[in-house]
Amino acid sequence: MGTDIASGAEGELMAVINENVSDSVAHERWIELAYIRGASGREFTTAATNVQPAPDQPRTAVGRRDQRST
């Protein structure tokens, strides 16, 4: 379970994908999007950096991300 810190919504992290979110071919913009499935069963996206483990979950995923970037 994860929490989207931008909206406060919680759900199951389904995937993190590097997606092209640009509106034109000339100016590409790539971002890591997290796909989260909420309690309703509907998925929503948020920036991967906005996802934190839900309060009752271990913070191991965040620790791994920090280690990769160093």
Protein backbone atom coordinates (compact mmCIF):
# COMPACT_ATOMS: atom_id res chain seq x y z
CA MET A 1 0.00 0.00 0.00
CA GLY A 2 1.13 3.49 -0.78
CA THR A 3 -0.01 7.04 -0.24
CA ASP A 4 -0.02 9.80 -2.85
CA ILE A 5 1.23 12.78 -0.86
CA ALA A 6 -0.29 15.22 -3.38
CA SER A 7 -3.88 14.03 -2.89
CA GLY A 8 -3.69 11.94 0.29
CA ALA A 9 -5.22 8.98 -1.57
CA GLU A 10 -4.07 5.48 -0.64
CA GLY A 11 -3.94 2.32 -2.71
CA GLU A 12 -1.83 -0.48 -4.08
CA LEU A 13 1.16 0.52 -6.18
CA MET A 14 0.71 -1.31 -9.49
CA ALA A 15 3.60 0.05 -11.59
CA VAL A 16 6.09 2.85 -12.07
CA ILE A 17 6.62 3.72 -15.72
CA ASN A 18 8.81 6.29 -17.47
CA GLU A 19 6.22 7.97 -19.71
CA ASN A 20 6.37 10.66 -22.36
CA VAL A 21 3.86 13.28 -21.19
CA SER A 22 4.66 15.93 -23.80
CA ASP A 23 2.05 17.52 -25.97
CA SER A 24 4.31 17.72 -29.02
CA VAL A 25 7.04 15.66 -30.67
CA ALA A 26 9.40 18.62 -30.82
CA HIS A 27 9.55 19.10 -27.02
CA GLU A 28 9.55 15.69 -25.35
CA ARG A 29 9.01 15.57 -21.60
CA TRP A 30 9.51 12.30 -19.73
CA ILE A 31 8.39 11.64 -16.17
CA GLU A 32 8.23 8.62 -13.86
CA LEU A 33 4.53 8.03 -13.24
CA ALA A 34 3.25 5.73 -10.51
CA TYR A 35 0.00 3.87 -11.16
CA ILE A 36 -1.94 3.29 -7.94
CA ARG A 37 -5.15 1.24 -7.61
CA GLY A 38 -7.43 2.77 -5.00
CA ALA A 39 -10.01 1.01 -2.83
CA SER A 40 -12.67 1.60 -5.53
CA GLY A 41 -10.64 -0.49 -7.99
CA ARG A 42 -9.92 2.50 -10.23
CA GLU A 43 -6.31 3.36 -10.96
CA PHE A 44 -4.87 6.84 -10.87
CA THR A 45 -1.45 8.26 -11.63
CA THR A 46 0.88 10.55 -9.75
CA ALA A 47 4.54 11.45 -9.96
CA ALA A 48 6.60 8.56 -8.59
CA THR A 49 8.28 10.98 -6.18
CA ASN A 50 4.85 11.65 -4.61
CA VAL A 51 4.42 8.04 -3.45
CA GLN A 52 5.20 7.08 0.12
CA PRO A 53 4.50 3.82 1.91
CA ALA A 54 1.15 3.84 3.71
CA PRO A 55 1.55 4.48 7.45
CA ASP A 56 1.32 0.78 8.33
CA GLN A 57 3.86 -0.34 5.67
CA PRO A 58 7.66 -0.64 5.97
CA ARG A 59 9.68 2.10 4.26
CA THR A 60 12.05 -0.28 2.43
CA ALA A 61 11.12 0.89 -1.10
CA VAL A 62 12.02 4.48 -0.26
CA GLY A 63 15.36 3.36 1.16
CA ARG A 64 16.22 1.45 -2.00
CA ARG A 65 15.43 4.45 -4.19
CA ASP A 66 17.75 6.64 -2.10
CA GLN A 67 20.60 4.14 -2.41
CA ARG A 68 20.33 3.99 -6.22
CA SER A 69 20.61 7.74 -6.60
CA THR A 70 23.85 8.04 -4.61
